[in-house]
Structures are given as structure tokens and as C-alpha cells.
Amino acid sequence: MSSPSSKLDAKENFKRLIVEHNGDGTNPEVKGALDELVRLAAEKRGNCVDGADAWSPAHSMAINEGRWRSITTPPFPGKLPDDATGMSKFTLGRMSFGMFKPTKLVCAVEDIFNILHPVDENEEGLLSNGIAGRRRSSIASPAGDLPNWIQTYNLEVMIEIETPSVKLPAKLTNYGFCFPETPTRLAVKFSEGKLEPRFDLSSSVNAALSAAWRDIS
């Protein structure tokens, strides 16, 4: 196959290879396709100052805002063998950084969404309780300056929790915030997490699911 000749071709080639290799971002073909896409994107920008690339997407909050679906293999450590449908599997303890128990329950990952948006009034409390208080020591640059912006960063993971009787549809949300670490890289700090069912606990239709949820809660 010839090398992609345009950024659009390179993007389509990258997406195709991601699907073929089940989201494995470490696969040599996937990495090669991504390198080619980055090279073509850099050529198209062509805006260099004294030989240095002046592109700085991390400094623009508007560019990063949105709900972004992950298309690569989940990055959590301790990955277990995939299930029969190709979904990645981890223990609940690994996925929640030890926040939720039973930690040895096995979870299959259906989808991951990275959600970035401006901090609203309801989230100001998170920033003031232990997060904003550490801003000057953990977020500030060596010069002591605060970043250009701080944005809410929530990681939503749609999972199925395997129990002896049923598989429980659930959502694991890790709450945090992000800020520009370099012109092209964001830093993320998480503050707390929430595990909740993706079904109505009060509905009689979900009686078996509700009973299994109470057993593990």
C-alpha cells in the first residue's frame, strides 16, 4: 500500500488500522500511521518561529472543550484477557484506583469518554476543596505563574461488572480538572470518583440486576 498523500488520507488510514488492531495504540502499524498523520499536519501548519513549532493547542481552552470518545485500548494498568467480543477487561480495583470494592470484581469496558468543559458553579466546590488550594504548588509553572486556564475534566467509563449471577451495566466517573502543561500537552489531576448503575434500581423489570447490585455495594 502506498503512503497516504494527504492529511485526510492519513486520518482515514489511521482510523482503519485502529479498528483492525482492536484499538491497540502500541501496534507498530498504528504508531506508524499516527506518525505520518502528525508529520502531514505539521507540514500543513508550517508556522515556525526561529525553527521551533509555534503550534500550541493546549493553550486554547476552546479547542479542547467537548465530549471525546476514546478509540484506543483503555490505558488502565493490569489489563486482563479481552472478552469474547473483544472488550478490554480489568478488575474494579484497577479501574477505580482502589476507590471501589470489591476490588477483584472483573469489569469489561464498553466505552470511554473524556469530557472537557468550563468549570460551572456546581463544580467550584471541587476546585476550592483541596484542588484550588494546591494550585500554586502543583499547577503553577517554575516561574510561579498560574496556567492560562483550568477546565473541568471528567473521565466516564461505561462498564459491565461481572458477578456470579449477572452482568451489571454501570458507569464509573472520575472527576478532575486539566490545564496546559506544555504548548501541546494537557496535565490532568483527578479529585474523586463515582460508581453508579446504568439501570433503574426501582424498576421490577430489573429485580435481578438490583439484587446483584445491592450484594456488591
N, C-alpha and C. Protein backbone atom coordinates (compact mmCIF):
# COMPACT_ATOMS: atom_id res chain seq x y z
N MET A 1 0.84 -1.19 0.00
CA MET A 1 0.00 0.00 0.00
C MET A 1 0.88 1.25 0.00
N SER A 2 0.56 2.20 -0.86
CA SER A 2 1.35 3.43 -0.94
C SER A 2 1.08 4.30 0.27
N SER A 3 2.04 5.21 0.56
CA SER A 3 1.88 6.09 1.70
C SER A 3 0.77 7.09 1.45
N PRO A 4 0.01 7.45 2.49
CA PRO A 4 -1.06 8.44 2.32
C PRO A 4 -0.49 9.76 1.82
N SER A 5 -1.16 10.40 0.87
CA SER A 5 -0.65 11.61 0.24
C SER A 5 -1.27 12.87 0.80
N SER A 6 -2.28 12.75 1.63
CA SER A 6 -2.91 13.92 2.20
C SER A 6 -3.28 13.66 3.65
N LYS A 7 -3.56 14.75 4.37
CA LYS A 7 -3.92 14.59 5.77
C LYS A 7 -5.21 13.79 5.91
N LEU A 8 -6.17 13.99 5.01
CA LEU A 8 -7.43 13.24 5.06
C LEU A 8 -7.17 11.75 4.85
N ASP A 9 -6.32 11.42 3.86
CA ASP A 9 -5.98 10.02 3.62
C ASP A 9 -5.30 9.41 4.84
N ALA A 10 -4.39 10.18 5.43
CA ALA A 10 -3.67 9.69 6.60
C ALA A 10 -4.60 9.45 7.77
N LYS A 11 -5.58 10.34 7.94
CA LYS A 11 -6.55 10.19 9.03
C LYS A 11 -7.39 8.93 8.84
N GLU A 12 -7.85 8.71 7.60
CA GLU A 12 -8.66 7.52 7.33
C GLU A 12 -7.84 6.25 7.50
N ASN A 13 -6.57 6.29 7.09
CA ASN A 13 -5.69 5.13 7.25
C ASN A 13 -5.48 4.82 8.72
N PHE A 14 -5.28 5.85 9.54
CA PHE A 14 -5.10 5.67 10.98
C PHE A 14 -6.34 5.05 11.60
N LYS A 15 -7.52 5.59 11.27
CA LYS A 15 -8.77 5.07 11.83
C LYS A 15 -8.99 3.61 11.43
N ARG A 16 -8.65 3.27 10.19
CA ARG A 16 -8.83 1.89 9.72
C ARG A 16 -7.93 0.94 10.51
N LEU A 17 -6.68 1.34 10.71
CA LEU A 17 -5.74 0.48 11.42
C LEU A 17 -6.09 0.34 12.90
N ILE A 18 -6.63 1.40 13.49
CA ILE A 18 -7.07 1.33 14.89
C ILE A 18 -8.15 0.26 15.04
N VAL A 19 -9.08 0.22 14.08
CA VAL A 19 -10.16 -0.78 14.11
C VAL A 19 -9.58 -2.17 13.89
N GLU A 20 -8.70 -2.32 12.91
CA GLU A 20 -8.12 -3.62 12.59
C GLU A 20 -7.36 -4.21 13.77
N HIS A 21 -6.70 -3.35 14.55
CA HIS A 21 -5.87 -3.82 15.65
C HIS A 21 -6.56 -3.62 17.01
N ASN A 22 -7.89 -3.54 16.98
CA ASN A 22 -8.70 -3.50 18.20
C ASN A 22 -8.25 -2.41 19.17
N GLY A 23 -7.95 -1.23 18.63
CA GLY A 23 -7.62 -0.08 19.46
C GLY A 23 -6.25 -0.10 20.09
N ASP A 24 -5.37 -0.99 19.64
CA ASP A 24 -4.04 -1.10 20.25
C ASP A 24 -3.14 0.02 19.72
N GLY A 25 -2.97 1.07 20.54
CA GLY A 25 -2.16 2.20 20.13
C GLY A 25 -0.67 1.92 20.09
N THR A 26 -0.24 0.78 20.65
CA THR A 26 1.18 0.43 20.64
C THR A 26 1.57 -0.41 19.42
N ASN A 27 0.59 -0.82 18.62
CA ASN A 27 0.89 -1.62 17.44
C ASN A 27 1.76 -0.81 16.48
N PRO A 28 2.81 -1.41 15.91
CA PRO A 28 3.72 -0.67 15.02
C PRO A 28 3.02 -0.02 13.83
N GLU A 29 2.05 -0.72 13.24
CA GLU A 29 1.33 -0.13 12.10
C GLU A 29 0.52 1.09 12.54
N VAL A 30 -0.13 0.99 13.70
CA VAL A 30 -0.92 2.11 14.22
C VAL A 30 -0.02 3.29 14.53
N LYS A 31 1.11 3.02 15.20
CA LYS A 31 2.04 4.08 15.55
C LYS A 31 2.61 4.74 14.30
N GLY A 32 2.91 3.94 13.28
CA GLY A 32 3.44 4.48 12.03
C GLY A 32 2.43 5.38 11.34
N ALA A 33 1.15 4.95 11.36
CA ALA A 33 0.09 5.76 10.73
C ALA A 33 -0.10 7.07 11.48
N LEU A 34 0.00 7.02 12.80
CA LEU A 34 -0.14 8.25 13.59
C LEU A 34 1.04 9.19 13.33
N ASP A 35 2.24 8.65 13.25
CA ASP A 35 3.41 9.48 12.96
C ASP A 35 3.26 10.18 11.61
N GLU A 36 2.72 9.46 10.63
CA GLU A 36 2.51 10.05 9.30
C GLU A 36 1.48 11.17 9.36
N LEU A 37 0.41 10.96 10.12
CA LEU A 37 -0.62 11.99 10.26
C LEU A 37 -0.06 13.23 10.94
N VAL A 38 0.74 13.03 11.99
CA VAL A 38 1.36 14.16 12.68
C VAL A 38 2.30 14.91 11.75
N ARG A 39 3.07 14.17 10.94
CA ARG A 39 4.01 14.81 10.01
C ARG A 39 3.27 15.68 9.00
N LEU A 40 2.20 15.14 8.42
CA LEU A 40 1.44 15.90 7.43
C LEU A 40 0.76 17.11 8.05
N ALA A 41 0.27 16.95 9.27
CA ALA A 41 -0.37 18.07 9.95
C ALA A 41 0.64 19.18 10.22
N ALA A 42 1.86 18.79 10.61
CA ALA A 42 2.91 19.78 10.88
C ALA A 42 3.31 20.51 9.60
N GLU A 43 3.37 19.77 8.49
CA GLU A 43 3.71 20.40 7.22
C GLU A 43 2.66 21.42 6.81
N LYS A 44 1.40 21.08 7.04
CA LYS A 44 0.32 21.98 6.64
C LYS A 44 0.33 23.24 7.49
N ARG A 45 0.67 23.11 8.79
CA ARG A 45 0.72 24.30 9.64
C ARG A 45 1.82 25.23 9.17
N GLY A 46 3.02 24.69 9.06
CA GLY A 46 4.13 25.45 8.53
C GLY A 46 4.46 26.73 9.27
N ASN A 47 3.99 26.89 10.50
CA ASN A 47 4.24 28.14 11.23
C ASN A 47 5.31 27.92 12.29
N CYS A 48 6.52 28.20 11.94
CA CYS A 48 7.64 28.02 12.85
C CYS A 48 8.28 29.36 13.18
N VAL A 49 8.73 29.51 14.39
CA VAL A 49 9.40 30.72 14.83
C VAL A 49 10.80 30.33 15.28
N ASP A 50 11.82 30.83 14.59
CA ASP A 50 13.21 30.51 14.91
C ASP A 50 13.44 29.00 14.96
N GLY A 51 12.80 28.30 14.02
CA GLY A 51 13.00 26.87 13.92
C GLY A 51 12.14 26.05 14.87
N ALA A 52 11.35 26.68 15.73
CA ALA A 52 10.50 25.96 16.69
C ALA A 52 9.05 26.03 16.25
N ASP A 53 8.35 24.94 16.40
CA ASP A 53 6.94 24.89 16.03
C ASP A 53 6.14 25.78 16.97
N ALA A 54 5.40 26.73 16.41
CA ALA A 54 4.64 27.68 17.23
C ALA A 54 3.23 27.17 17.55
N TRP A 55 2.90 25.96 17.07
CA TRP A 55 1.57 25.41 17.30
C TRP A 55 1.38 25.14 18.79
N SER A 56 0.32 25.64 19.39
CA SER A 56 0.11 25.47 20.84
C SER A 56 -1.35 25.23 21.16
N PRO A 57 -1.90 24.06 20.77
CA PRO A 57 -3.32 23.78 21.00
C PRO A 57 -3.69 23.71 22.47
N ALA A 58 -2.76 23.33 23.34
CA ALA A 58 -3.09 23.21 24.76
C ALA A 58 -3.36 24.56 25.40
N HIS A 59 -2.94 25.63 24.77
CA HIS A 59 -3.15 26.95 25.34
C HIS A 59 -4.52 27.54 24.99
N SER A 60 -5.29 26.81 24.16
CA SER A 60 -6.61 27.30 23.78
C SER A 60 -7.68 26.42 24.40
N MET A 61 -8.40 26.95 25.37
CA MET A 61 -9.43 26.17 26.05
C MET A 61 -10.53 25.75 25.08
N ALA A 62 -10.89 26.61 24.14
CA ALA A 62 -11.99 26.33 23.22
C ALA A 62 -11.70 25.12 22.34
N ILE A 63 -10.43 24.93 21.95
CA ILE A 63 -10.06 23.80 21.10
C ILE A 63 -10.31 22.48 21.81
N ASN A 64 -10.07 22.45 23.11
CA ASN A 64 -10.12 21.19 23.86
C ASN A 64 -11.50 20.86 24.40
N GLU A 65 -12.40 21.83 24.43
CA GLU A 65 -13.72 21.61 25.02
C GLU A 65 -14.53 20.62 24.19
N GLY A 66 -15.24 19.72 24.87
CA GLY A 66 -16.10 18.77 24.17
C GLY A 66 -16.18 17.43 24.87
N ARG A 67 -16.89 16.51 24.25
CA ARG A 67 -17.02 15.13 24.74
C ARG A 67 -16.30 14.23 23.75
N TRP A 68 -15.16 13.71 24.14
CA TRP A 68 -14.28 12.98 23.24
C TRP A 68 -14.31 11.49 23.56
N ARG A 69 -14.62 10.69 22.55
CA ARG A 69 -14.68 9.23 22.73
C ARG A 69 -13.31 8.63 22.45
N SER A 70 -12.82 7.83 23.38
CA SER A 70 -11.54 7.15 23.20
C SER A 70 -11.68 6.02 22.19
N ILE A 71 -10.72 5.91 21.28
CA ILE A 71 -10.77 4.84 20.28
C ILE A 71 -9.59 3.89 20.42
N THR A 72 -8.75 4.11 21.41
CA THR A 72 -7.64 3.20 21.66
C THR A 72 -7.92 2.35 22.89
N THR A 73 -7.13 1.32 23.08
CA THR A 73 -7.30 0.42 24.22
C THR A 73 -7.23 1.20 25.52
N PRO A 74 -8.13 0.95 26.48
CA PRO A 74 -8.09 1.67 27.75
C PRO A 74 -6.71 1.62 28.39
N PRO A 75 -6.25 2.74 28.95
CA PRO A 75 -4.87 2.83 29.45
C PRO A 75 -4.66 2.34 30.88
N PHE A 76 -5.68 1.75 31.50
CA PHE A 76 -5.53 1.31 32.89
C PHE A 76 -4.51 0.17 32.99
N PRO A 77 -3.70 0.13 34.06
CA PRO A 77 -2.73 -0.96 34.22
C PRO A 77 -3.44 -2.26 34.60
N GLY A 78 -2.72 -3.37 34.48
CA GLY A 78 -3.27 -4.65 34.91
C GLY A 78 -4.34 -5.20 33.99
N LYS A 79 -4.20 -5.00 32.69
CA LYS A 79 -5.22 -5.46 31.73
C LYS A 79 -5.31 -6.98 31.73
N LEU A 80 -6.56 -7.48 31.77
CA LEU A 80 -6.84 -8.91 31.70
C LEU A 80 -7.11 -9.31 30.25
N PRO A 81 -7.16 -10.61 29.93
CA PRO A 81 -7.50 -11.01 28.56
C PRO A 81 -8.86 -10.46 28.15
N ASP A 82 -8.98 -10.03 26.89
CA ASP A 82 -10.24 -9.49 26.38
C ASP A 82 -11.35 -10.53 26.46
N ASP A 83 -12.60 -10.04 26.49
CA ASP A 83 -13.71 -10.99 26.49
C ASP A 83 -13.96 -11.48 25.07
N ALA A 84 -14.98 -12.30 24.89
CA ALA A 84 -15.23 -12.94 23.59
C ALA A 84 -15.55 -11.93 22.49
N THR A 85 -16.04 -10.75 22.87
CA THR A 85 -16.40 -9.73 21.87
C THR A 85 -15.26 -8.74 21.63
N GLY A 86 -14.14 -8.93 22.31
CA GLY A 86 -13.00 -8.03 22.12
C GLY A 86 -12.94 -6.88 23.08
N MET A 87 -13.87 -6.80 24.06
CA MET A 87 -13.83 -5.71 25.02
C MET A 87 -12.69 -5.93 26.02
N SER A 88 -12.02 -4.84 26.39
CA SER A 88 -10.94 -4.91 27.37
C SER A 88 -11.50 -5.17 28.76
N LYS A 89 -10.75 -5.93 29.57
CA LYS A 89 -11.22 -6.29 30.91
C LYS A 89 -10.16 -5.94 31.95
N PHE A 90 -10.65 -5.46 33.10
CA PHE A 90 -9.80 -5.08 34.22
C PHE A 90 -10.55 -5.43 35.50
N THR A 91 -9.85 -5.44 36.63
CA THR A 91 -10.55 -5.55 37.89
C THR A 91 -11.09 -4.17 38.27
N LEU A 92 -12.14 -4.15 39.07
CA LEU A 92 -12.73 -2.89 39.51
C LEU A 92 -11.71 -2.06 40.30
N GLY A 93 -10.88 -2.73 41.09
CA GLY A 93 -9.86 -2.02 41.85
C GLY A 93 -8.88 -1.29 40.97
N ARG A 94 -8.45 -1.93 39.87
CA ARG A 94 -7.52 -1.30 38.94
C ARG A 94 -8.16 -0.09 38.27
N MET A 95 -9.40 -0.27 37.83
CA MET A 95 -10.07 0.79 37.08
C MET A 95 -10.39 2.00 37.94
N SER A 96 -10.66 1.78 39.21
CA SER A 96 -11.07 2.89 40.09
C SER A 96 -9.94 3.37 40.99
N PHE A 97 -8.70 2.93 40.71
CA PHE A 97 -7.55 3.30 41.53
C PHE A 97 -7.78 2.94 43.00
N GLY A 98 -8.46 1.80 43.21
CA GLY A 98 -8.70 1.30 44.55
C GLY A 98 -9.82 2.00 45.30
N MET A 99 -10.61 2.85 44.63
CA MET A 99 -11.66 3.60 45.32
C MET A 99 -12.89 2.76 45.63
N PHE A 100 -13.16 1.72 44.80
CA PHE A 100 -14.39 0.97 44.96
C PHE A 100 -14.11 -0.51 45.17
N LYS A 101 -14.98 -1.14 45.98
CA LYS A 101 -14.87 -2.56 46.29
C LYS A 101 -16.16 -3.26 45.89
N PRO A 102 -16.11 -4.60 45.73
CA PRO A 102 -14.96 -5.50 45.84
C PRO A 102 -13.94 -5.25 44.71
N THR A 103 -12.70 -5.06 45.07
CA THR A 103 -11.67 -4.66 44.10
C THR A 103 -11.39 -5.75 43.06
N LYS A 104 -11.70 -7.02 43.39
CA LYS A 104 -11.35 -8.10 42.47
C LYS A 104 -12.45 -8.43 41.47
N LEU A 105 -13.57 -7.73 41.54
CA LEU A 105 -14.61 -7.93 40.53
C LEU A 105 -14.06 -7.57 39.15
N VAL A 106 -14.40 -8.38 38.16
CA VAL A 106 -13.91 -8.14 36.80
C VAL A 106 -14.90 -7.27 36.04
N CYS A 107 -14.37 -6.28 35.31
CA CYS A 107 -15.21 -5.36 34.53
C CYS A 107 -14.77 -5.37 33.07
N ALA A 108 -15.73 -5.38 32.18
CA ALA A 108 -15.46 -5.23 30.75
C ALA A 108 -15.78 -3.80 30.35
N VAL A 109 -14.88 -3.17 29.60
CA VAL A 109 -15.04 -1.77 29.21
C VAL A 109 -15.76 -1.66 27.88
N GLU A 110 -16.92 -0.99 27.89
CA GLU A 110 -17.68 -0.79 26.66
C GLU A 110 -17.24 0.48 25.94
N ASP A 111 -17.07 1.57 26.69
CA ASP A 111 -16.75 2.86 26.08
C ASP A 111 -16.10 3.77 27.10
N ILE A 112 -15.28 4.69 26.61
CA ILE A 112 -14.66 5.69 27.47
C ILE A 112 -14.84 7.06 26.83
N PHE A 113 -15.29 8.03 27.62
CA PHE A 113 -15.48 9.39 27.14
C PHE A 113 -14.68 10.35 28.00
N ASN A 114 -13.94 11.24 27.35
CA ASN A 114 -13.19 12.30 28.03
C ASN A 114 -13.99 13.59 27.84
N ILE A 115 -14.46 14.17 28.94
CA ILE A 115 -15.37 15.31 28.86
C ILE A 115 -14.68 16.54 29.43
N LEU A 116 -14.48 17.55 28.59
CA LEU A 116 -13.83 18.78 29.00
C LEU A 116 -14.80 19.94 28.82
N HIS A 117 -14.99 20.72 29.87
CA HIS A 117 -15.87 21.88 29.76
C HIS A 117 -15.49 22.91 30.83
N PRO A 118 -15.91 24.15 30.66
CA PRO A 118 -15.59 25.18 31.66
C PRO A 118 -16.16 24.81 33.01
N VAL A 119 -15.50 25.22 34.05
CA VAL A 119 -15.95 24.95 35.42
C VAL A 119 -17.22 25.74 35.68
N ASP A 120 -18.30 25.04 36.11
CA ASP A 120 -19.54 25.74 36.41
C ASP A 120 -19.69 25.94 37.92
N GLU A 121 -20.79 26.57 38.32
CA GLU A 121 -20.98 26.91 39.73
C GLU A 121 -20.99 25.66 40.62
N ASN A 122 -21.57 24.57 40.13
CA ASN A 122 -21.66 23.35 40.94
C ASN A 122 -20.30 22.71 41.17
N GLU A 123 -19.33 23.03 40.33
CA GLU A 123 -18.02 22.41 40.44
C GLU A 123 -16.99 23.30 41.13
N GLU A 124 -17.38 24.52 41.44
CA GLU A 124 -16.45 25.41 42.12
C GLU A 124 -16.01 24.83 43.47
N GLY A 125 -16.94 24.08 44.12
CA GLY A 125 -16.60 23.48 45.40
C GLY A 125 -15.46 22.50 45.29
N LEU A 126 -15.42 21.71 44.19
CA LEU A 126 -14.34 20.76 44.00
C LEU A 126 -13.00 21.48 43.88
N LEU A 127 -13.02 22.60 43.19
CA LEU A 127 -11.78 23.34 42.99
C LEU A 127 -11.30 23.98 44.28
N SER A 128 -12.25 24.38 45.13
CA SER A 128 -11.84 25.07 46.37
C SER A 128 -11.49 24.09 47.48
N ASN A 129 -12.05 22.87 47.42
CA ASN A 129 -11.77 21.88 48.47
C ASN A 129 -10.61 20.98 48.07
N GLY A 130 -9.41 21.44 48.34
CA GLY A 130 -8.25 20.60 48.13
C GLY A 130 -7.64 20.64 46.76
N ILE A 131 -8.32 21.28 45.77
CA ILE A 131 -7.75 21.33 44.43
C ILE A 131 -7.18 22.72 44.19
N ALA A 132 -8.02 23.73 44.25
CA ALA A 132 -7.54 25.09 44.02
C ALA A 132 -6.53 25.47 45.09
N GLY A 133 -6.66 24.90 46.29
CA GLY A 133 -5.73 25.21 47.36
C GLY A 133 -4.31 24.76 47.06
N ARG A 134 -4.17 23.79 46.12
CA ARG A 134 -2.84 23.31 45.77
C ARG A 134 -2.35 23.89 44.46
N ARG A 135 -3.12 24.82 43.90
CA ARG A 135 -2.79 25.30 42.57
C ARG A 135 -1.36 25.86 42.47
N ARG A 136 -0.95 26.67 43.43
CA ARG A 136 0.34 27.33 43.28
C ARG A 136 1.50 26.36 43.46
N SER A 137 1.27 25.26 44.16
CA SER A 137 2.36 24.32 44.35
C SER A 137 2.35 23.21 43.31
N SER A 138 1.16 22.78 42.85
CA SER A 138 1.10 21.63 41.95
C SER A 138 0.75 21.99 40.52
N ILE A 139 0.27 23.19 40.28
CA ILE A 139 -0.11 23.57 38.92
C ILE A 139 0.77 24.68 38.37
N ALA A 140 1.24 25.53 39.22
CA ALA A 140 1.99 26.69 38.75
C ALA A 140 3.28 26.27 38.05
N SER A 141 3.71 27.11 37.13
CA SER A 141 4.96 26.88 36.43
C SER A 141 6.13 27.18 37.36
N PRO A 142 7.35 26.80 36.95
CA PRO A 142 8.51 27.11 37.80
C PRO A 142 8.63 28.60 38.11
N ALA A 143 8.11 29.42 37.21
CA ALA A 143 8.18 30.86 37.44
C ALA A 143 7.12 31.34 38.42
N GLY A 144 6.23 30.43 38.83
CA GLY A 144 5.20 30.80 39.80
C GLY A 144 3.91 31.29 39.18
N ASP A 145 3.80 31.20 37.85
CA ASP A 145 2.60 31.69 37.17
C ASP A 145 1.55 30.59 37.11
N LEU A 146 0.29 30.97 37.24
CA LEU A 146 -0.79 30.02 37.05
C LEU A 146 -1.01 29.80 35.56
N PRO A 147 -1.57 28.65 35.16
CA PRO A 147 -1.78 28.39 33.73
C PRO A 147 -2.80 29.34 33.13
N ASN A 148 -2.85 29.33 31.79
CA ASN A 148 -3.77 30.22 31.08
C ASN A 148 -5.22 29.93 31.46
N TRP A 149 -5.53 28.68 31.73
CA TRP A 149 -6.90 28.31 32.07
C TRP A 149 -6.89 26.99 32.84
N ILE A 150 -7.99 26.74 33.55
CA ILE A 150 -8.25 25.45 34.20
C ILE A 150 -9.65 25.02 33.77
N GLN A 151 -9.78 23.79 33.35
CA GLN A 151 -11.03 23.29 32.79
C GLN A 151 -11.43 21.99 33.49
N THR A 152 -12.72 21.77 33.65
CA THR A 152 -13.19 20.51 34.21
C THR A 152 -12.83 19.36 33.25
N TYR A 153 -12.33 18.26 33.82
CA TYR A 153 -12.01 17.08 33.03
C TYR A 153 -12.63 15.87 33.72
N ASN A 154 -13.66 15.29 33.12
CA ASN A 154 -14.31 14.10 33.66
C ASN A 154 -14.05 12.93 32.74
N LEU A 155 -13.70 11.81 33.32
CA LEU A 155 -13.47 10.58 32.56
C LEU A 155 -14.62 9.63 32.86
N GLU A 156 -15.48 9.40 31.87
CA GLU A 156 -16.63 8.49 32.02
C GLU A 156 -16.31 7.16 31.37
N VAL A 157 -16.43 6.09 32.14
CA VAL A 157 -16.15 4.75 31.64
C VAL A 157 -17.41 3.90 31.76
N MET A 158 -17.93 3.46 30.62
CA MET A 158 -19.10 2.58 30.60
C MET A 158 -18.61 1.14 30.71
N ILE A 159 -19.06 0.44 31.74
CA ILE A 159 -18.54 -0.90 32.00
C ILE A 159 -19.67 -1.89 32.26
N GLU A 160 -19.30 -3.17 32.20
CA GLU A 160 -20.16 -4.26 32.67
C GLU A 160 -19.41 -4.97 33.79
N ILE A 161 -20.01 -5.00 34.96
CA ILE A 161 -19.39 -5.66 36.11
C ILE A 161 -19.86 -7.10 36.16
N GLU A 162 -18.92 -8.03 36.17
CA GLU A 162 -19.27 -9.45 36.16
C GLU A 162 -19.48 -9.94 37.59
N THR A 163 -20.68 -10.45 37.85
CA THR A 163 -20.99 -11.07 39.14
C THR A 163 -21.32 -12.54 38.89
N PRO A 164 -21.41 -13.36 39.93
CA PRO A 164 -21.71 -14.78 39.72
C PRO A 164 -23.04 -15.02 39.01
N SER A 165 -23.98 -14.08 39.13
CA SER A 165 -25.31 -14.31 38.57
C SER A 165 -25.59 -13.51 37.29
N VAL A 166 -25.16 -12.25 37.25
CA VAL A 166 -25.48 -11.39 36.10
C VAL A 166 -24.32 -10.45 35.80
N LYS A 167 -24.42 -9.79 34.65
CA LYS A 167 -23.50 -8.71 34.31
C LYS A 167 -24.22 -7.39 34.53
N LEU A 168 -23.60 -6.52 35.32
CA LEU A 168 -24.24 -5.28 35.72
C LEU A 168 -23.75 -4.10 34.87
N PRO A 169 -24.64 -3.46 34.09
CA PRO A 169 -24.23 -2.26 33.36
C PRO A 169 -24.01 -1.11 34.35
N ALA A 170 -22.85 -0.49 34.30
CA ALA A 170 -22.52 0.56 35.26
C ALA A 170 -21.72 1.67 34.58
N LYS A 171 -21.61 2.78 35.28
CA LYS A 171 -20.80 3.90 34.80
C LYS A 171 -19.85 4.32 35.92
N LEU A 172 -18.56 4.35 35.59
CA LEU A 172 -17.54 4.82 36.52
C LEU A 172 -17.08 6.19 36.05
N THR A 173 -17.23 7.20 36.89
CA THR A 173 -16.83 8.56 36.53
C THR A 173 -15.72 9.02 37.46
N ASN A 174 -14.61 9.42 36.87
CA ASN A 174 -13.51 10.02 37.62
C ASN A 174 -13.56 11.53 37.37
N TYR A 175 -13.72 12.31 38.44
CA TYR A 175 -13.84 13.76 38.32
C TYR A 175 -12.49 14.42 38.54
N GLY A 176 -12.21 15.45 37.76
CA GLY A 176 -10.96 16.17 37.93
C GLY A 176 -10.94 17.44 37.12
N PHE A 177 -9.75 17.90 36.82
CA PHE A 177 -9.60 19.11 36.02
C PHE A 177 -8.31 19.01 35.23
N CYS A 178 -8.17 19.85 34.22
CA CYS A 178 -6.97 19.84 33.39
C CYS A 178 -6.50 21.26 33.13
N PHE A 179 -5.27 21.37 32.69
CA PHE A 179 -4.67 22.68 32.41
C PHE A 179 -3.47 22.45 31.49
N PRO A 180 -3.02 23.46 30.75
CA PRO A 180 -1.89 23.28 29.84
C PRO A 180 -0.59 23.09 30.59
N GLU A 181 0.10 21.99 30.29
CA GLU A 181 1.40 21.71 30.88
C GLU A 181 2.53 22.20 29.97
N THR A 182 2.32 21.97 28.66
CA THR A 182 3.22 22.48 27.62
C THR A 182 2.32 23.01 26.50
N PRO A 183 2.86 23.64 25.47
CA PRO A 183 2.01 24.12 24.38
C PRO A 183 1.20 23.03 23.69
N THR A 184 1.63 21.77 23.77
CA THR A 184 0.93 20.69 23.08
C THR A 184 0.46 19.57 24.01
N ARG A 185 0.52 19.78 25.31
CA ARG A 185 0.17 18.71 26.24
C ARG A 185 -0.62 19.26 27.42
N LEU A 186 -1.71 18.53 27.78
CA LEU A 186 -2.51 18.89 28.94
C LEU A 186 -2.11 18.01 30.12
N ALA A 187 -2.13 18.58 31.31
CA ALA A 187 -1.95 17.82 32.54
C ALA A 187 -3.33 17.61 33.17
N VAL A 188 -3.55 16.47 33.79
CA VAL A 188 -4.84 16.13 34.39
C VAL A 188 -4.63 15.73 35.84
N LYS A 189 -5.50 16.23 36.73
CA LYS A 189 -5.49 15.83 38.13
C LYS A 189 -6.92 15.42 38.52
N PHE A 190 -7.05 14.19 39.06
CA PHE A 190 -8.35 13.69 39.47
C PHE A 190 -8.57 13.94 40.96
N SER A 191 -9.84 14.16 41.31
CA SER A 191 -10.17 14.51 42.69
C SER A 191 -11.02 13.46 43.39
N GLU A 192 -11.98 12.86 42.67
CA GLU A 192 -12.87 11.88 43.28
C GLU A 192 -13.53 11.05 42.20
N GLY A 193 -14.25 10.01 42.62
CA GLY A 193 -14.90 9.14 41.65
C GLY A 193 -16.31 8.76 42.08
N LYS A 194 -17.07 8.24 41.13
CA LYS A 194 -18.43 7.81 41.40
C LYS A 194 -18.74 6.58 40.56
N LEU A 195 -19.31 5.57 41.21
CA LEU A 195 -19.73 4.35 40.52
C LEU A 195 -21.23 4.24 40.66
N GLU A 196 -21.94 4.12 39.54
CA GLU A 196 -23.40 4.09 39.58
C GLU A 196 -23.95 3.12 38.54
N PRO A 197 -25.15 2.56 38.80
CA PRO A 197 -25.74 1.62 37.83
C PRO A 197 -26.27 2.35 36.60
N ARG A 198 -26.30 1.66 35.48
CA ARG A 198 -26.90 2.21 34.26
C ARG A 198 -28.27 1.57 34.03
N PHE A 199 -29.00 1.39 35.12
CA PHE A 199 -30.35 0.85 35.03
C PHE A 199 -31.12 1.36 36.23
N ASP A 200 -32.43 1.28 36.15
CA ASP A 200 -33.31 1.79 37.20
C ASP A 200 -33.41 0.76 38.33
N LEU A 201 -32.83 1.09 39.47
CA LEU A 201 -32.85 0.17 40.61
C LEU A 201 -34.25 -0.09 41.14
N SER A 202 -35.16 0.87 40.93
CA SER A 202 -36.51 0.74 41.50
C SER A 202 -37.47 -0.02 40.60
N SER A 203 -37.08 -0.31 39.37
CA SER A 203 -37.98 -0.99 38.43
C SER A 203 -38.01 -2.49 38.70
N SER A 204 -39.22 -3.06 38.71
CA SER A 204 -39.38 -4.50 38.92
C SER A 204 -38.77 -5.30 37.77
N VAL A 205 -38.67 -4.67 36.62
CA VAL A 205 -38.07 -5.34 35.46
C VAL A 205 -36.60 -5.66 35.73
N ASN A 206 -35.97 -4.85 36.56
CA ASN A 206 -34.55 -5.02 36.85
C ASN A 206 -34.30 -5.64 38.22
N ALA A 207 -35.23 -6.45 38.68
CA ALA A 207 -35.13 -7.03 40.03
C ALA A 207 -33.84 -7.82 40.23
N ALA A 208 -33.48 -8.64 39.25
CA ALA A 208 -32.27 -9.46 39.38
C ALA A 208 -31.02 -8.58 39.39
N LEU A 209 -31.01 -7.57 38.53
CA LEU A 209 -29.87 -6.65 38.49
C LEU A 209 -29.76 -5.86 39.80
N SER A 210 -30.90 -5.40 40.28
CA SER A 210 -30.91 -4.61 41.52
C SER A 210 -30.41 -5.43 42.71
N ALA A 211 -30.82 -6.69 42.77
CA ALA A 211 -30.39 -7.57 43.88
C ALA A 211 -28.88 -7.79 43.80
N ALA A 212 -28.36 -8.00 42.59
CA ALA A 212 -26.92 -8.21 42.44
C ALA A 212 -26.15 -6.94 42.77
N TRP A 213 -26.72 -5.79 42.44
CA TRP A 213 -26.06 -4.51 42.75
C TRP A 213 -25.97 -4.30 44.26
N ARG A 214 -27.07 -4.62 44.96
CA ARG A 214 -27.06 -4.47 46.42
C ARG A 214 -26.05 -5.43 47.06
N ASP A 215 -25.88 -6.61 46.46
CA ASP A 215 -24.94 -7.60 47.02
C ASP A 215 -23.50 -7.12 46.97
N ILE A 216 -23.15 -6.32 45.95
CA ILE A 216 -21.77 -5.88 45.83
C ILE A 216 -21.54 -4.49 46.40
N SER A 217 -22.63 -3.80 46.77
CA SER A 217 -22.49 -2.42 47.25
C SER A 217 -22.02 -2.40 48.71
